[in-house]
Protein backbone atom coordinates (compact mmCIF):
# COMPACT_ATOMS: atom_id res chain seq x y z
CA MET A 1 45.33 -226.59 145.66
CA ASP A 2 47.52 -226.82 142.39
CA ASN A 3 45.79 -229.93 141.33
CA ILE A 4 42.27 -229.02 141.56
CA ALA A 5 40.47 -229.27 138.30
CA GLY A 6 39.66 -225.92 137.14
CA THR A 7 42.50 -223.66 138.70
CA LYS A 8 44.77 -221.78 136.77
CA SER A 9 48.23 -223.48 136.17
CA SER A 10 51.27 -222.22 137.75
CA LEU A 11 53.05 -222.73 134.45
CA THR A 12 50.68 -220.24 132.35
CA TRP A 13 53.59 -217.55 132.36
CA ALA A 14 55.97 -220.11 130.68
CA VAL A 15 53.01 -220.86 128.02
CA HIS A 16 52.89 -217.08 127.62
CA ILE A 17 56.83 -216.52 126.98
CA SER A 18 56.97 -219.44 124.66
CA VAL A 19 54.00 -218.36 122.63
CA VAL A 20 55.67 -214.67 122.44
CA ALA A 21 59.14 -216.14 121.53
CA LEU A 22 57.81 -218.26 118.65
CA VAL A 23 55.84 -215.32 117.30
CA LEU A 24 58.95 -213.32 117.26
CA MET A 25 60.96 -215.87 115.79
CA TRP A 26 58.63 -215.94 112.68
CA VAL A 27 57.73 -212.15 112.62
CA LEU A 28 61.19 -210.70 113.12
CA PRO A 29 62.73 -212.36 109.87
CA THR A 30 59.92 -211.37 108.14
CA PHE A 31 59.55 -207.80 108.88
CA GLY A 32 63.48 -207.58 108.26
CA LEU A 33 63.20 -208.93 104.92
CA LEU A 34 60.38 -206.47 104.07
CA VAL A 35 62.58 -203.67 105.53
CA SER A 36 65.48 -204.79 103.43
CA SER A 37 63.50 -204.99 100.26
CA PHE A 38 63.19 -201.30 100.32
CA ARG A 39 66.72 -200.49 100.87
CA THR A 40 69.87 -200.01 98.51
CA GLY A 41 72.70 -202.59 97.87
CA ASP A 42 75.23 -200.44 99.74
CA GLN A 43 73.13 -199.93 102.64
CA ILE A 44 72.10 -203.70 103.23
CA VAL A 45 75.76 -204.70 103.07
CA GLY A 46 76.60 -201.81 105.38
CA SER A 47 74.28 -202.40 108.22
CA GLY A 48 71.64 -204.47 109.53
CA TRP A 49 67.66 -203.71 108.90
CA TRP A 50 67.20 -202.86 112.36
CA GLN A 51 69.45 -199.63 111.51
CA ALA A 52 67.41 -198.75 108.44
CA LEU A 53 66.20 -195.42 109.91
CA SER A 54 69.73 -194.09 111.39
CA THR A 55 72.72 -192.75 109.47
CA GLN A 56 75.44 -195.35 108.99
CA GLU A 57 79.22 -194.72 108.48
CA GLN A 58 80.28 -197.19 105.78
CA GLN A 59 82.50 -198.00 102.86
CA LEU A 60 80.70 -197.69 99.62
CA SER A 61 80.95 -199.82 96.70
CA PRO A 62 83.79 -198.10 94.21
CA ILE A 63 82.34 -195.75 91.88
CA ARG A 64 84.03 -194.92 88.65
CA ILE A 65 84.60 -191.38 87.43
CA GLU A 66 82.51 -190.52 84.48
CA GLY A 67 81.79 -187.25 82.44
CA GLU A 68 82.64 -185.25 79.67
CA GLU A 69 85.92 -183.62 79.57
CA VAL A 70 86.30 -179.73 79.19
CA PRO A 71 89.29 -177.91 77.96
CA LYS A 72 90.50 -175.53 80.72
CA ASP A 73 93.76 -173.67 81.44
CA GLY A 74 95.71 -175.58 78.76
CA GLY A 75 94.59 -179.10 80.13
CA PHE A 76 91.43 -180.92 80.57
CA VAL A 77 88.86 -181.39 83.24
CA ILE A 78 86.06 -183.70 84.25
CA GLU A 79 83.58 -182.79 86.85
CA GLY A 80 80.78 -184.52 88.49
CA GLY A 81 78.95 -186.12 91.68
CA LEU A 82 79.47 -189.38 93.04
CA PHE A 83 76.16 -189.37 94.42
CA ASP A 84 72.73 -189.09 92.55
CA GLY A 85 71.07 -187.32 95.46
CA ALA A 86 72.17 -185.24 98.41
CA GLY A 87 72.61 -186.41 101.86
CA ALA A 88 75.71 -188.56 102.13
CA VAL A 89 78.75 -187.08 103.81
CA ILE A 90 82.13 -188.28 102.98
CA SER A 91 84.76 -188.73 105.98
CA ALA A 92 87.51 -190.32 103.59
CA TRP A 93 88.43 -191.63 100.25
CA GLY A 94 90.94 -193.23 98.11
CA THR A 95 91.57 -194.35 94.60
CA SER A 96 92.84 -198.02 95.49
CA SER A 97 91.36 -200.97 97.12
CA ARG A 98 94.41 -201.39 99.20
CA GLU A 99 94.28 -197.75 100.78
CA PRO A 100 90.47 -196.82 100.35
CA SER A 101 90.67 -194.33 103.06
CA ALA A 102 93.92 -192.56 101.53
CA TYR A 103 92.55 -188.91 101.74
CA ALA A 104 90.41 -186.69 103.54
CA PRO A 105 87.75 -184.67 101.76
CA GLY A 106 89.15 -181.94 99.59
CA ALA A 107 92.86 -183.50 99.31
CA VAL A 108 94.17 -183.92 95.85
CA ALA A 109 95.35 -187.23 94.79
CA ASP A 110 98.08 -187.50 92.48
CA LEU A 111 97.34 -190.00 89.81
CA GLY A 112 100.61 -189.68 87.69
CA ASP A 113 101.73 -188.40 84.35
CA GLY A 114 100.40 -184.63 85.79
CA ARG A 115 96.75 -185.99 86.59
CA THR A 116 95.18 -184.94 89.75
CA LEU A 117 91.93 -185.95 91.40
CA THR A 118 89.87 -184.12 94.25
CA VAL A 119 86.76 -185.05 96.13
CA SER A 120 84.77 -183.11 98.29
CA GLU A 121 82.82 -183.83 101.44
CA ALA A 122 79.70 -183.74 99.46
CA GLY A 123 80.83 -186.09 96.70
CA ASP A 124 81.76 -183.76 94.11
CA TYR A 125 84.81 -184.62 92.32
CA VAL A 126 87.24 -182.90 89.78
CA LEU A 127 89.64 -184.89 87.49
CA THR A 128 92.45 -182.69 85.92
CA SER A 129 94.85 -184.09 83.05
CA PRO A 130 97.60 -181.94 80.86
CA THR A 131 96.41 -184.51 77.79
CA THR A 132 93.01 -185.61 76.77
CA LEU A 133 91.32 -188.55 78.41
CA ALA A 134 89.11 -189.39 75.57
CA GLY A 135 89.18 -193.22 75.26
CA GLU A 136 90.88 -193.92 78.49
CA ARG A 137 89.63 -195.79 81.56
CA LEU A 138 88.79 -193.35 84.34
CA PRO A 139 90.02 -194.16 87.82
CA ARG A 140 87.43 -195.50 90.52
CA VAL A 141 86.95 -193.96 93.98
CA PHE A 142 86.52 -195.86 97.09
CA ALA A 143 84.70 -193.64 99.52
CA THR A 144 83.69 -194.00 103.33
CA ALA A 145 80.70 -191.84 103.87
CA ALA A 146 77.98 -191.27 106.45
CA THR A 147 74.67 -192.09 104.54
CA PRO A 148 71.23 -191.01 105.67
CA PRO A 149 68.24 -193.66 105.58
CA GLU A 150 67.26 -194.22 102.20
CA PHE A 151 64.20 -196.44 100.83
CA THR A 152 63.52 -197.13 97.25
CA THR A 153 60.88 -198.93 95.38
CA GLN A 154 63.05 -199.43 92.43
CA ASN A 155 64.17 -202.97 93.75
CA TYR A 156 60.59 -204.09 93.08
CA ASN A 157 60.29 -202.29 89.75
CA ASN A 158 63.41 -204.19 88.79
CA VAL A 159 62.45 -207.62 90.06
CA LEU A 160 58.87 -207.48 88.61
CA PHE A 161 59.34 -205.83 85.30
CA SER A 162 63.10 -206.17 84.40
CA PRO A 163 64.57 -209.49 82.91
CA LEU A 164 66.36 -211.22 85.55
CA ALA A 165 67.99 -214.61 84.88
CA GLY A 166 66.32 -214.75 81.69
CA GLN A 167 62.74 -213.88 82.58
CA THR A 168 61.01 -211.40 84.96
CA ILE A 169 59.72 -212.39 88.41
CA PHE A 170 56.40 -211.34 87.54
CA GLN A 171 56.27 -214.16 84.70
CA ALA A 172 57.45 -216.48 87.17
CA PHE A 173 54.62 -215.32 89.45
CA MET A 174 51.98 -215.85 87.02
CA ASN A 175 53.39 -219.28 86.34
CA THR A 176 53.43 -220.28 90.03
CA ALA A 177 49.74 -218.82 90.45
CA THR A 178 48.97 -221.02 87.50
CA VAL A 179 50.15 -223.91 89.26
CA ALA A 180 49.06 -223.37 92.68
CA ILE A 181 45.53 -221.97 92.27
CA PRO A 182 44.01 -225.51 90.38
CA ALA A 183 46.55 -227.53 92.50
CA THR A 184 44.62 -226.52 95.31
CA ILE A 185 41.11 -226.48 94.10
CA ILE A 186 40.98 -229.87 92.47
CA PRO A 187 42.18 -231.97 95.40
CA ILE A 188 39.63 -229.98 97.51
CA LEU A 189 36.81 -231.04 95.13
CA ILE A 190 37.75 -234.55 94.78
CA ALA A 191 38.40 -235.20 98.34
CA ALA A 192 35.49 -233.72 99.55
CA PHE A 193 33.34 -236.07 97.86
CA ALA A 194 35.34 -238.88 99.00
CA ALA A 195 35.35 -237.86 102.49
CA TYR A 196 31.51 -237.65 102.49
CA ALA A 197 31.23 -241.14 101.06
CA LEU A 198 33.79 -242.56 103.60
CA ALA A 199 32.21 -240.63 106.58
CA TRP A 200 27.97 -241.30 105.82
CA MET A 201 27.83 -243.84 103.24
CA ASP A 202 28.28 -247.52 103.87
CA PHE A 203 29.56 -249.68 100.79
CA PRO A 204 31.76 -252.67 101.03
CA GLY A 205 35.63 -252.33 101.61
CA ARG A 206 35.04 -248.85 103.35
CA ALA A 207 37.27 -249.72 106.21
CA LEU A 208 40.04 -251.02 104.01
CA LEU A 209 39.67 -247.89 101.72
CA ILE A 210 40.27 -245.71 104.92
CA ALA A 211 43.22 -247.74 106.06
CA ALA A 212 44.64 -247.54 102.59
CA ILE A 213 44.30 -243.72 102.73
CA VAL A 214 46.00 -243.49 106.04
CA GLY A 215 48.79 -245.59 104.92
CA LEU A 216 49.32 -243.35 102.01
CA LEU A 217 50.10 -240.51 104.45
CA VAL A 218 53.25 -241.87 105.11
CA VAL A 219 54.64 -242.62 101.54
CA PRO A 220 57.48 -240.00 100.45
CA LEU A 221 56.43 -238.53 97.22
CA GLN A 222 59.91 -238.86 96.15
CA LEU A 223 59.49 -242.56 95.58
CA ALA A 224 56.51 -241.72 93.02
CA LEU A 225 57.97 -238.86 91.18
CA ILE A 226 59.72 -240.92 88.35
CA PRO A 227 57.10 -243.61 87.89
CA LEU A 228 54.46 -240.86 87.80
CA LEU A 229 56.33 -238.86 85.33
CA GLN A 230 56.89 -242.03 83.12
CA PHE A 231 53.07 -242.61 83.38
CA HIS A 232 52.08 -239.07 82.37
CA ASN A 233 54.49 -239.45 79.35
CA TRP A 234 52.76 -242.82 78.42
CA ILE A 235 49.36 -241.21 78.61
CA GLY A 236 50.54 -238.05 76.50
CA ILE A 237 50.46 -235.35 79.05
CA GLY A 238 54.12 -235.15 79.49
CA LYS A 239 55.60 -232.08 81.14
CA GLY A 240 53.09 -229.43 81.44
CA TYR A 241 50.43 -227.77 83.61
CA LEU A 242 48.05 -230.37 83.47
CA GLY A 243 50.74 -232.93 84.64
CA ILE A 244 51.83 -231.10 87.46
CA TRP A 245 48.11 -230.30 88.59
CA MET A 246 47.61 -234.26 88.35
CA ALA A 247 50.93 -234.78 90.23
CA HIS A 248 49.89 -232.31 93.08
CA THR A 249 46.43 -233.69 93.25
CA GLY A 250 47.79 -237.08 93.86
CA PHE A 251 50.08 -236.08 96.50
CA GLY A 252 47.67 -234.16 98.26
CA LEU A 253 44.54 -236.20 98.30
CA PRO A 254 45.50 -238.64 101.33
CA LEU A 255 45.81 -235.70 103.63
CA ALA A 256 42.51 -233.98 102.27
CA ILE A 257 40.38 -237.02 102.49
CA TYR A 258 41.71 -237.79 106.00
CA LEU A 259 41.38 -234.29 107.47
CA LEU A 260 37.78 -233.83 105.74
CA ARG A 261 36.61 -237.20 106.75
CA ASN A 262 37.50 -236.85 110.38
CA TYR A 263 35.62 -233.47 110.60
CA MET A 264 32.66 -234.63 108.65
CA VAL A 265 32.36 -237.78 110.95
CA GLY A 266 32.26 -235.57 113.99
CA LEU A 267 29.22 -233.51 112.49
CA PRO A 268 25.72 -233.98 114.26
CA LYS A 269 24.21 -237.47 112.99
CA ASP A 270 20.69 -235.93 113.73
CA ILE A 271 21.00 -233.39 110.88
CA ILE A 272 21.83 -235.95 108.37
CA GLU A 273 18.91 -238.46 109.34
CA ASN A 274 16.44 -235.85 109.53
CA ALA A 275 17.52 -234.64 105.96
CA LYS A 276 16.93 -238.06 104.70
CA VAL A 277 13.70 -238.46 106.25
CA ASP A 278 12.48 -235.27 104.44
CA GLY A 279 13.65 -236.91 101.21
CA ALA A 280 17.00 -235.28 100.44
CA THR A 281 19.37 -237.05 98.38
CA ASP A 282 22.98 -237.74 99.03
CA PHE A 283 24.21 -235.03 96.83
CA GLN A 284 21.77 -232.37 98.33
CA ILE A 285 22.76 -233.47 101.75
CA PHE A 286 26.70 -232.98 100.48
CA THR A 287 26.12 -229.56 98.96
CA LYS A 288 23.42 -228.05 101.21
CA ILE A 289 24.54 -229.22 104.60
CA ILE A 290 27.93 -230.83 104.66
CA LEU A 291 29.93 -228.42 102.81
CA PRO A 292 28.78 -225.21 104.63
CA LEU A 293 29.32 -227.14 107.99
CA SER A 294 32.73 -228.26 106.74
CA PHE A 295 34.17 -225.10 105.53
CA PRO A 296 36.88 -224.71 108.58
CA ALA A 297 38.20 -228.04 107.39
CA LEU A 298 38.34 -227.10 103.68
CA ALA A 299 40.10 -223.70 104.48
CA SER A 300 42.33 -225.60 106.82
CA PHE A 301 43.49 -227.92 104.04
CA ALA A 302 43.43 -225.19 101.29
CA ILE A 303 46.00 -223.30 103.77
CA PHE A 304 48.29 -226.39 103.59
CA GLN A 305 47.80 -227.25 100.06
CA PHE A 306 48.43 -223.72 98.76
CA LEU A 307 51.53 -223.13 100.82
CA TRP A 308 53.02 -226.43 99.74
CA THR A 309 52.15 -225.81 95.96
CA TRP A 310 53.45 -222.17 96.11
CA ASN A 311 56.90 -223.15 97.67
CA ASP A 312 57.25 -226.20 95.91
CA LEU A 313 60.53 -226.75 93.80
CA LEU A 314 60.90 -230.33 93.33
CA VAL A 315 57.56 -231.47 91.91
CA ALA A 316 57.84 -228.33 89.61
CA LEU A 317 61.01 -229.29 88.21
CA VAL A 318 60.18 -232.84 87.44
CA PHE A 319 56.65 -232.30 86.20
CA LEU A 320 56.86 -228.72 84.56
CA GLY A 321 60.47 -228.14 83.58
CA THR A 322 62.95 -225.22 83.54
CA GLY A 323 61.87 -223.30 80.41
CA ASN A 324 61.30 -219.39 81.08
CA ASP A 325 57.89 -219.63 80.05
CA GLN A 326 57.20 -222.15 82.79
CA GLN A 327 59.55 -221.63 85.57
CA VAL A 328 58.08 -220.95 89.07
CA LEU A 329 59.09 -218.52 91.65
CA THR A 330 61.24 -220.96 93.61
CA GLY A 331 63.22 -221.99 90.50
CA ASN A 332 63.59 -218.29 89.51
CA LEU A 333 64.92 -217.63 92.68
CA VAL A 334 67.35 -220.30 92.59
CA ASN A 335 68.55 -218.97 89.45
CA LEU A 336 69.12 -215.40 91.25
CA MET A 337 70.87 -216.81 93.99
CA GLY A 338 73.50 -218.22 91.54
CA SER A 339 73.64 -215.23 88.89
CA ARG A 340 73.17 -212.38 91.38
CA GLY A 341 74.42 -213.58 94.55
CA GLY A 342 75.80 -210.25 95.63
CA ASP A 343 72.78 -208.13 94.61
CA TRP A 344 71.03 -208.42 98.17
CA GLU A 345 68.44 -205.92 97.32
CA ILE A 346 67.37 -207.86 94.42
CA LEU A 347 67.23 -211.21 96.44
CA SER A 348 65.44 -209.53 99.34
CA ALA A 349 62.69 -207.98 97.21
CA SER A 350 62.21 -211.19 94.99
CA ALA A 351 61.97 -213.44 98.23
CA PHE A 352 59.43 -211.12 99.74
CA VAL A 353 57.33 -211.05 96.49
CA SER A 354 57.40 -214.96 96.61
CA ILE A 355 55.90 -214.87 100.11
CA ALA A 356 53.54 -212.16 99.92
CA VAL A 357 50.62 -214.13 98.50
CA PRO A 358 51.13 -217.24 100.98
CA LEU A 359 51.14 -214.45 103.97
CA ALA A 360 48.07 -213.02 102.72
CA VAL A 361 46.40 -216.64 102.24
CA PHE A 362 47.49 -217.65 105.63
CA PHE A 363 46.01 -214.28 107.51
CA LEU A 364 43.00 -214.58 105.70
CA LEU A 365 42.07 -218.22 106.61
CA GLN A 366 44.20 -218.83 109.87
CA ARG A 367 41.03 -218.33 111.90
CA PHE A 368 39.75 -221.77 110.29
CA LEU A 369 43.12 -223.48 110.72
CA VAL A 370 42.92 -224.77 114.24
CA ARG A 371 39.21 -225.59 114.06
CA GLY A 372 39.69 -227.67 110.85
CA LEU A 373 43.02 -229.43 112.72
CA LEU A 374 41.08 -230.35 115.67
CA ALA A 375 38.16 -231.75 113.68
CA GLY A 376 37.50 -235.29 114.83
CA SER A 377 40.17 -235.19 117.54
CA VAL A 378 37.26 -234.92 120.44
CA LYS A 379 34.00 -236.69 120.61
């Protein structure tokens, strides 16, 4: 009975488990990145994103004492707090990285020369000295504390509007959009016309042209980077947005034509013939019949092309350059990795900004993706 057509396969459970596993492998890291982008640097270093809602015992980054000294009892006193807000509870503290937990809360640390420092459980400190502390470098405090969950939007404010690695992420975001949107629309426009011609118009050499397009699908773009850049310099467009639009168009056209042509060939032939009998021109057939019916294939290619151009780094470096006024998101993130490798809150917020738009595009158009990819595979 297992081999009878129409019966349910006994391996259906394995398929379901595999699908769930693949979905979790894709969703969990993305969700973790989103949670981390709203956490502080200390919390990211001290605990995983799955612990974001629980109180964590962790060693905080060293905090330097600061404040105005006040004369008191023949000496000078500086008072203040280690934390901006309430909530953290100190369990141990120290003044040296070699002994970060040397003192309990409320204990008095002897700093030498008659100077003392005490830190309370809430993070309030009192530094005393028999002589003035003006112009001197004040000590640092290494604290181990239980910190409550803390979320902030300051990471995104720093990423979008504060200069990082020479420019703001918002500027790089706009540069990437300037590259990706035209580099997605232009190939679709050209490929749609070409696909219609290869699918429904008879002309000499059509079969050879289709074979050439299929052959171009396997050509690595790296082989064409330098010759194409030299050609751009020769015709005068050099490094700029026009050059990178043309480069992405050239690299994306083979797949676009192949995908759209396979879809258009599968459309009902009777519709085309009836339109021609009614006197419609090829252009009218293309705009009023073919394009509306081909929307799934157009959306499918648009997803691939947009994701490719949005996440591209190599083509952008070659055809656009590395100046702050033209640098794309991927290039900016590479610079952040080098200059701010320890600021995980900045990196996570920057990374999520870079993937937010591709995620939105994918979820908006994903229902057309499978229909477009399967176009022409079954007759």
